[in-house]
Amino acid sequence: MERRKYKRFPVIRDFSETVEITFSLPQQPSHLNKVPGIVLNLSAGGMALLTFISIPVGSDISFKLSLPNTKNAFLLKGKVVRVENHENTYLAGIKFEEIDEEVKKLLIKMGEDYENCEIRLSFNIADGCYKECSYYPLCNKKIKIK
């Protein structure tokens, strides 16, 4: 059973640009650390982030993210809620704590469009792709309309 409030969608397919994560440790909130990370999936409520160092659970993070269908980068702030070690890489689960309302609406729409596409594909609906889809810029499916 899905516990997430918002639908997630993958972003690594055509968007493997790294982001610079700024974080502070719970015991040292005034000391800022910076590390690169790769956004693996995203929703209006949080994201999965691949890093090469472990960011402790409870750390506050912030970073700027640009998506292909946005004009400007947007600032996201959140908290690390879980970390998994995968042979010298780390998968961090981030819960957003501050997100602009317009960005939130866009991410909700992208998650819904991605899920609707997956449902159409599961029913072998070949003409279900459309260029107005908010997920379209990240899509790399074979049926994608060019």
N, C-alpha and C. Protein backbone atom coordinates (compact mmCIF):
# COMPACT_ATOMS: atom_id res chain seq x y z
N MET A 1 0.84 -1.18 0.00
CA MET A 1 0.00 0.00 0.00
C MET A 1 0.88 1.25 0.00
N GLU A 2 0.60 2.17 -0.88
CA GLU A 2 1.38 3.40 -1.01
C GLU A 2 1.07 4.34 0.16
N ARG A 3 2.13 4.78 0.86
CA ARG A 3 1.96 5.67 2.01
C ARG A 3 2.20 7.12 1.64
N ARG A 4 2.79 7.36 0.49
CA ARG A 4 3.13 8.73 0.12
C ARG A 4 1.89 9.51 -0.27
N LYS A 5 1.88 10.77 0.09
CA LYS A 5 0.76 11.66 -0.23
C LYS A 5 0.80 12.08 -1.69
N TYR A 6 2.01 12.24 -2.25
CA TYR A 6 2.19 12.71 -3.62
C TYR A 6 2.86 11.65 -4.47
N LYS A 7 2.50 11.60 -5.74
CA LYS A 7 3.05 10.62 -6.67
C LYS A 7 4.48 11.01 -7.04
N ARG A 8 5.37 10.01 -7.05
CA ARG A 8 6.77 10.24 -7.43
C ARG A 8 6.98 9.91 -8.89
N PHE A 9 7.98 10.53 -9.47
CA PHE A 9 8.36 10.25 -10.85
C PHE A 9 9.87 10.25 -10.96
N PRO A 10 10.42 9.42 -11.85
CA PRO A 10 11.87 9.36 -12.02
C PRO A 10 12.37 10.61 -12.74
N VAL A 11 13.56 11.04 -12.38
CA VAL A 11 14.15 12.19 -13.06
C VAL A 11 15.53 11.91 -13.62
N ILE A 12 16.10 10.75 -13.35
CA ILE A 12 17.46 10.46 -13.80
C ILE A 12 17.53 10.11 -15.28
N ARG A 13 16.43 9.75 -15.90
CA ARG A 13 16.43 9.27 -17.28
C ARG A 13 17.13 10.25 -18.23
N ASP A 14 16.65 11.44 -18.32
CA ASP A 14 17.26 12.44 -19.19
C ASP A 14 17.79 13.62 -18.41
N PHE A 15 17.77 13.52 -17.11
CA PHE A 15 18.15 14.65 -16.27
C PHE A 15 19.11 14.15 -15.21
N SER A 16 20.34 13.91 -15.59
CA SER A 16 21.30 13.37 -14.63
C SER A 16 22.24 14.45 -14.10
N GLU A 17 21.87 15.70 -14.25
CA GLU A 17 22.67 16.80 -13.74
C GLU A 17 22.75 16.70 -12.21
N THR A 18 23.94 16.91 -11.71
CA THR A 18 24.08 16.88 -10.26
C THR A 18 23.61 18.20 -9.66
N VAL A 19 23.22 18.15 -8.43
CA VAL A 19 22.85 19.35 -7.70
C VAL A 19 23.80 19.45 -6.51
N GLU A 20 24.05 20.66 -6.07
CA GLU A 20 24.89 20.84 -4.89
C GLU A 20 23.98 20.98 -3.68
N ILE A 21 24.11 20.06 -2.75
CA ILE A 21 23.29 20.03 -1.55
C ILE A 21 24.04 20.74 -0.43
N THR A 22 23.37 21.67 0.21
CA THR A 22 23.90 22.31 1.41
C THR A 22 23.16 21.71 2.59
N PHE A 23 23.91 21.24 3.58
CA PHE A 23 23.23 20.66 4.74
C PHE A 23 23.92 21.03 6.03
N SER A 24 23.14 21.01 7.08
CA SER A 24 23.69 21.21 8.41
C SER A 24 23.32 20.01 9.27
N LEU A 25 24.23 19.63 10.10
CA LEU A 25 24.01 18.50 11.00
C LEU A 25 23.10 18.93 12.15
N PRO A 26 22.28 18.02 12.65
CA PRO A 26 21.38 18.39 13.76
C PRO A 26 22.13 18.96 14.97
N GLN A 27 23.33 18.44 15.26
CA GLN A 27 24.08 18.92 16.42
C GLN A 27 24.92 20.16 16.11
N GLN A 28 25.03 20.54 14.82
CA GLN A 28 25.80 21.73 14.41
C GLN A 28 25.02 22.53 13.37
N PRO A 29 23.87 23.11 13.73
CA PRO A 29 23.03 23.77 12.73
C PRO A 29 23.66 25.01 12.08
N SER A 30 24.67 25.60 12.71
CA SER A 30 25.29 26.79 12.12
C SER A 30 26.42 26.46 11.14
N HIS A 31 26.88 25.22 11.13
CA HIS A 31 27.97 24.80 10.24
C HIS A 31 27.36 24.19 8.97
N LEU A 32 27.66 24.78 7.81
CA LEU A 32 27.09 24.29 6.55
C LEU A 32 28.11 23.43 5.81
N ASN A 33 27.64 22.32 5.27
CA ASN A 33 28.45 21.41 4.47
C ASN A 33 27.86 21.38 3.05
N LYS A 34 28.70 21.18 2.05
CA LYS A 34 28.22 21.10 0.67
C LYS A 34 28.72 19.82 0.03
N VAL A 35 27.81 19.11 -0.63
CA VAL A 35 28.16 17.88 -1.33
C VAL A 35 27.33 17.79 -2.61
N PRO A 36 27.87 17.12 -3.65
CA PRO A 36 27.05 16.90 -4.84
C PRO A 36 26.08 15.75 -4.62
N GLY A 37 24.98 15.79 -5.33
CA GLY A 37 24.00 14.71 -5.27
C GLY A 37 23.27 14.60 -6.59
N ILE A 38 22.69 13.45 -6.85
CA ILE A 38 21.92 13.21 -8.06
C ILE A 38 20.49 12.89 -7.65
N VAL A 39 19.55 13.65 -8.18
CA VAL A 39 18.14 13.43 -7.87
C VAL A 39 17.66 12.22 -8.67
N LEU A 40 17.19 11.19 -7.98
CA LEU A 40 16.72 9.97 -8.65
C LEU A 40 15.23 10.00 -8.92
N ASN A 41 14.46 10.44 -7.93
CA ASN A 41 13.02 10.62 -8.15
C ASN A 41 12.56 11.78 -7.31
N LEU A 42 11.37 12.26 -7.65
CA LEU A 42 10.92 13.53 -7.10
C LEU A 42 9.41 13.51 -6.97
N SER A 43 8.90 14.20 -5.98
CA SER A 43 7.46 14.43 -5.83
C SER A 43 7.29 15.77 -5.14
N ALA A 44 6.06 16.17 -4.95
CA ALA A 44 5.80 17.43 -4.25
C ALA A 44 6.12 17.32 -2.77
N GLY A 45 6.28 16.10 -2.26
CA GLY A 45 6.55 15.91 -0.85
C GLY A 45 7.98 15.57 -0.50
N GLY A 46 8.77 15.14 -1.50
CA GLY A 46 10.14 14.76 -1.20
C GLY A 46 10.84 14.18 -2.40
N MET A 47 11.98 13.54 -2.14
CA MET A 47 12.76 13.00 -3.24
C MET A 47 13.72 11.94 -2.73
N ALA A 48 14.27 11.18 -3.66
CA ALA A 48 15.38 10.27 -3.39
C ALA A 48 16.62 10.89 -4.00
N LEU A 49 17.68 10.91 -3.24
CA LEU A 49 18.91 11.57 -3.63
C LEU A 49 20.07 10.60 -3.50
N LEU A 50 20.88 10.49 -4.55
CA LEU A 50 22.07 9.66 -4.53
C LEU A 50 23.26 10.56 -4.19
N THR A 51 24.03 10.16 -3.16
CA THR A 51 25.22 10.91 -2.78
C THR A 51 26.38 9.94 -2.61
N PHE A 52 27.57 10.48 -2.49
CA PHE A 52 28.76 9.66 -2.32
C PHE A 52 29.32 9.75 -0.91
N ILE A 53 28.67 10.53 -0.07
CA ILE A 53 28.94 10.52 1.37
C ILE A 53 27.59 10.43 2.07
N SER A 54 27.61 9.90 3.26
CA SER A 54 26.37 9.76 4.02
C SER A 54 26.00 11.10 4.66
N ILE A 55 24.78 11.53 4.44
CA ILE A 55 24.26 12.71 5.13
C ILE A 55 23.41 12.17 6.29
N PRO A 56 23.73 12.53 7.50
CA PRO A 56 23.03 11.95 8.65
C PRO A 56 21.52 12.22 8.64
N VAL A 57 20.75 11.22 9.09
CA VAL A 57 19.31 11.38 9.26
C VAL A 57 19.08 12.54 10.22
N GLY A 58 18.11 13.37 9.89
CA GLY A 58 17.80 14.54 10.70
C GLY A 58 18.44 15.82 10.20
N SER A 59 19.39 15.70 9.25
CA SER A 59 20.06 16.88 8.70
C SER A 59 19.08 17.71 7.88
N ASP A 60 19.19 19.02 8.01
CA ASP A 60 18.43 19.94 7.17
C ASP A 60 19.22 20.15 5.89
N ILE A 61 18.54 20.12 4.74
CA ILE A 61 19.22 20.32 3.46
C ILE A 61 18.52 21.40 2.67
N SER A 62 19.25 21.98 1.74
CA SER A 62 18.67 22.92 0.77
C SER A 62 19.46 22.81 -0.52
N PHE A 63 18.80 23.06 -1.63
CA PHE A 63 19.46 23.06 -2.93
C PHE A 63 18.56 23.71 -3.96
N LYS A 64 19.17 24.11 -5.06
CA LYS A 64 18.42 24.67 -6.19
C LYS A 64 18.31 23.60 -7.25
N LEU A 65 17.11 23.49 -7.84
CA LEU A 65 16.86 22.49 -8.86
C LEU A 65 16.20 23.13 -10.06
N SER A 66 16.68 22.77 -11.24
CA SER A 66 16.05 23.19 -12.49
C SER A 66 15.50 21.96 -13.17
N LEU A 67 14.31 22.06 -13.69
CA LEU A 67 13.73 21.01 -14.51
C LEU A 67 13.59 21.54 -15.93
N PRO A 68 13.62 20.67 -16.92
CA PRO A 68 13.56 21.13 -18.31
C PRO A 68 12.33 21.98 -18.65
N ASN A 69 11.23 21.82 -17.93
CA ASN A 69 10.02 22.57 -18.25
C ASN A 69 9.82 23.78 -17.34
N THR A 70 10.89 24.23 -16.68
CA THR A 70 10.80 25.43 -15.84
C THR A 70 11.80 26.46 -16.34
N LYS A 71 11.46 27.72 -16.15
CA LYS A 71 12.34 28.80 -16.61
C LYS A 71 13.49 29.03 -15.64
N ASN A 72 13.22 28.96 -14.37
CA ASN A 72 14.22 29.27 -13.35
C ASN A 72 14.41 28.10 -12.40
N ALA A 73 15.58 28.06 -11.79
CA ALA A 73 15.82 27.07 -10.74
C ALA A 73 14.99 27.46 -9.52
N PHE A 74 14.57 26.47 -8.77
CA PHE A 74 13.80 26.77 -7.58
C PHE A 74 14.50 26.18 -6.37
N LEU A 75 14.34 26.87 -5.24
CA LEU A 75 14.98 26.46 -4.01
C LEU A 75 14.08 25.48 -3.26
N LEU A 76 14.66 24.37 -2.85
CA LEU A 76 13.94 23.37 -2.07
C LEU A 76 14.66 23.18 -0.74
N LYS A 77 13.90 23.06 0.32
CA LYS A 77 14.46 22.81 1.65
C LYS A 77 13.75 21.61 2.24
N GLY A 78 14.52 20.76 2.90
CA GLY A 78 13.93 19.57 3.49
C GLY A 78 14.78 18.99 4.59
N LYS A 79 14.40 17.79 4.99
CA LYS A 79 15.08 17.08 6.07
C LYS A 79 15.34 15.65 5.60
N VAL A 80 16.54 15.15 5.92
CA VAL A 80 16.87 13.76 5.61
C VAL A 80 16.11 12.87 6.59
N VAL A 81 15.28 11.96 6.03
CA VAL A 81 14.47 11.09 6.89
C VAL A 81 14.97 9.65 6.90
N ARG A 82 15.79 9.28 5.91
CA ARG A 82 16.40 7.95 5.92
C ARG A 82 17.61 7.95 5.00
N VAL A 83 18.55 7.04 5.27
CA VAL A 83 19.75 6.88 4.44
C VAL A 83 20.04 5.39 4.33
N GLU A 84 20.29 4.93 3.10
CA GLU A 84 20.67 3.55 2.87
C GLU A 84 22.05 3.53 2.23
N ASN A 85 22.94 2.66 2.74
CA ASN A 85 24.27 2.50 2.20
C ASN A 85 24.23 1.44 1.11
N HIS A 86 24.72 1.80 -0.09
CA HIS A 86 24.78 0.87 -1.21
C HIS A 86 26.20 0.86 -1.79
N GLU A 87 27.12 0.17 -1.14
CA GLU A 87 28.49 0.02 -1.62
C GLU A 87 29.12 1.35 -2.05
N ASN A 88 29.42 2.19 -1.10
CA ASN A 88 30.09 3.47 -1.31
C ASN A 88 29.23 4.55 -1.94
N THR A 89 27.95 4.30 -2.10
CA THR A 89 27.01 5.35 -2.46
C THR A 89 25.88 5.30 -1.44
N TYR A 90 25.17 6.39 -1.34
CA TYR A 90 24.12 6.49 -0.32
C TYR A 90 22.84 7.00 -0.97
N LEU A 91 21.75 6.37 -0.61
CA LEU A 91 20.43 6.79 -1.07
C LEU A 91 19.76 7.48 0.11
N ALA A 92 19.53 8.78 -0.04
CA ALA A 92 18.92 9.56 1.03
C ALA A 92 17.47 9.86 0.67
N GLY A 93 16.60 9.61 1.60
CA GLY A 93 15.20 10.00 1.46
C GLY A 93 15.02 11.37 2.09
N ILE A 94 14.51 12.31 1.30
CA ILE A 94 14.37 13.69 1.74
C ILE A 94 12.88 14.04 1.81
N LYS A 95 12.45 14.61 2.90
CA LYS A 95 11.08 15.12 3.02
C LYS A 95 11.16 16.64 2.92
N PHE A 96 10.41 17.22 1.96
CA PHE A 96 10.44 18.67 1.81
C PHE A 96 9.71 19.35 2.96
N GLU A 97 10.31 20.42 3.45
CA GLU A 97 9.71 21.21 4.52
C GLU A 97 9.33 22.59 4.05
N GLU A 98 10.01 23.07 3.00
CA GLU A 98 9.67 24.36 2.41
C GLU A 98 9.69 24.20 0.90
N ILE A 99 8.54 24.50 0.27
CA ILE A 99 8.44 24.40 -1.18
C ILE A 99 7.44 25.44 -1.65
N ASP A 100 7.81 26.19 -2.68
CA ASP A 100 6.94 27.20 -3.26
C ASP A 100 5.65 26.55 -3.77
N GLU A 101 4.53 27.20 -3.58
CA GLU A 101 3.23 26.63 -3.96
C GLU A 101 3.14 26.34 -5.46
N GLU A 102 3.70 27.19 -6.29
CA GLU A 102 3.67 26.95 -7.75
C GLU A 102 4.52 25.74 -8.13
N VAL A 103 5.66 25.61 -7.48
CA VAL A 103 6.54 24.45 -7.71
C VAL A 103 5.83 23.19 -7.25
N LYS A 104 5.18 23.26 -6.11
CA LYS A 104 4.43 22.12 -5.59
C LYS A 104 3.35 21.68 -6.58
N LYS A 105 2.61 22.63 -7.13
CA LYS A 105 1.57 22.31 -8.11
C LYS A 105 2.16 21.65 -9.34
N LEU A 106 3.30 22.15 -9.83
CA LEU A 106 3.97 21.56 -10.99
C LEU A 106 4.39 20.12 -10.70
N LEU A 107 4.99 19.89 -9.53
CA LEU A 107 5.45 18.54 -9.19
C LEU A 107 4.27 17.58 -9.00
N ILE A 108 3.17 18.06 -8.47
CA ILE A 108 1.97 17.22 -8.35
C ILE A 108 1.49 16.84 -9.74
N LYS A 109 1.43 17.80 -10.65
CA LYS A 109 0.97 17.55 -12.03
C LYS A 109 1.91 16.57 -12.74
N MET A 110 3.21 16.75 -12.57
CA MET A 110 4.17 15.84 -13.20
C MET A 110 4.01 14.42 -12.68
N GLY A 111 3.80 14.26 -11.38
CA GLY A 111 3.58 12.93 -10.81
C GLY A 111 2.31 12.29 -11.33
N GLU A 112 1.26 13.07 -11.45
CA GLU A 112 -0.01 12.54 -11.98
C GLU A 112 0.12 12.17 -13.45
N ASP A 113 0.76 13.04 -14.25
CA ASP A 113 0.94 12.74 -15.67
C ASP A 113 1.80 11.50 -15.87
N TYR A 114 2.86 11.36 -15.07
CA TYR A 114 3.71 10.18 -15.18
C TYR A 114 2.92 8.91 -14.85
N GLU A 115 2.16 8.94 -13.77
CA GLU A 115 1.37 7.75 -13.39
C GLU A 115 0.31 7.43 -14.45
N ASN A 116 -0.36 8.44 -14.98
CA ASN A 116 -1.36 8.21 -16.01
C ASN A 116 -0.75 7.58 -17.26
N CYS A 117 0.45 8.01 -17.62
CA CYS A 117 1.15 7.42 -18.75
C CYS A 117 1.46 5.95 -18.49
N GLU A 118 1.95 5.65 -17.29
CA GLU A 118 2.26 4.27 -16.94
C GLU A 118 1.01 3.39 -17.00
N ILE A 119 -0.12 3.93 -16.58
CA ILE A 119 -1.38 3.18 -16.63
C ILE A 119 -1.78 2.93 -18.08
N ARG A 120 -1.68 3.97 -18.94
CA ARG A 120 -2.01 3.79 -20.36
C ARG A 120 -1.12 2.73 -20.99
N LEU A 121 0.17 2.76 -20.67
CA LEU A 121 1.09 1.77 -21.22
C LEU A 121 0.75 0.36 -20.75
N SER A 122 0.31 0.23 -19.51
CA SER A 122 -0.03 -1.10 -18.99
C SER A 122 -1.24 -1.69 -19.71
N PHE A 123 -2.06 -0.82 -20.31
CA PHE A 123 -3.21 -1.28 -21.09
C PHE A 123 -2.92 -1.28 -22.59
N ASN A 124 -1.64 -1.12 -22.96
CA ASN A 124 -1.20 -1.10 -24.36
C ASN A 124 -1.90 -0.04 -25.20
N ILE A 125 -2.15 1.11 -24.61
CA ILE A 125 -2.71 2.24 -25.34
C ILE A 125 -1.55 2.97 -25.98
N ALA A 126 -1.39 2.82 -27.28
CA ALA A 126 -0.21 3.33 -27.98
C ALA A 126 -0.27 4.83 -28.25
N ASP A 127 -1.44 5.40 -28.34
CA ASP A 127 -1.54 6.82 -28.70
C ASP A 127 -1.82 7.68 -27.47
N GLY A 128 -1.31 7.28 -26.33
CA GLY A 128 -1.57 8.01 -25.09
C GLY A 128 -0.60 9.12 -24.78
N CYS A 129 0.44 9.29 -25.59
CA CYS A 129 1.45 10.32 -25.36
C CYS A 129 1.00 11.64 -25.98
N TYR A 130 1.26 12.74 -25.27
CA TYR A 130 0.94 14.06 -25.81
C TYR A 130 1.99 15.07 -25.34
N LYS A 131 2.31 16.03 -26.20
CA LYS A 131 3.39 16.98 -25.92
C LYS A 131 3.08 17.94 -24.78
N GLU A 132 1.80 18.11 -24.45
CA GLU A 132 1.43 19.00 -23.36
C GLU A 132 1.61 18.36 -21.99
N CYS A 133 1.98 17.11 -21.96
CA CYS A 133 2.22 16.38 -20.71
C CYS A 133 3.32 17.10 -19.93
N SER A 134 3.09 17.35 -18.66
CA SER A 134 4.09 18.06 -17.86
C SER A 134 5.36 17.22 -17.63
N TYR A 135 5.26 15.89 -17.78
CA TYR A 135 6.42 15.02 -17.63
C TYR A 135 7.18 14.84 -18.96
N TYR A 136 6.61 15.29 -20.05
CA TYR A 136 7.15 15.09 -21.40
C TYR A 136 8.66 15.41 -21.51
N PRO A 137 9.15 16.54 -20.97
CA PRO A 137 10.58 16.85 -21.12
C PRO A 137 11.53 15.83 -20.47
N LEU A 138 11.06 15.06 -19.52
CA LEU A 138 11.89 14.06 -18.85
C LEU A 138 11.70 12.66 -19.43
N CYS A 139 10.69 12.49 -20.25
CA CYS A 139 10.30 11.16 -20.75
C CYS A 139 11.29 10.66 -21.81
N ASN A 140 11.62 9.36 -21.73
CA ASN A 140 12.46 8.76 -22.75
C ASN A 140 11.85 7.45 -23.25
N LYS A 141 10.53 7.31 -23.15
CA LYS A 141 9.85 6.10 -23.58
C LYS A 141 9.86 5.99 -25.10
N LYS A 142 9.86 4.78 -25.59
CA LYS A 142 9.89 4.54 -27.04
C LYS A 142 8.66 5.09 -27.76
N ILE A 143 7.53 5.15 -27.08
CA ILE A 143 6.30 5.63 -27.72
C ILE A 143 6.18 7.14 -27.70
N LYS A 144 7.16 7.84 -27.15
CA LYS A 144 7.08 9.29 -27.02
C LYS A 144 6.92 9.95 -28.39
N ILE A 145 5.99 10.88 -28.48
CA ILE A 145 5.76 11.64 -29.70
C ILE A 145 6.94 12.60 -29.88
N LYS A 146 7.50 12.62 -31.04
CA LYS A 146 8.64 13.52 -31.31
C LYS A 146 8.17 14.86 -31.84
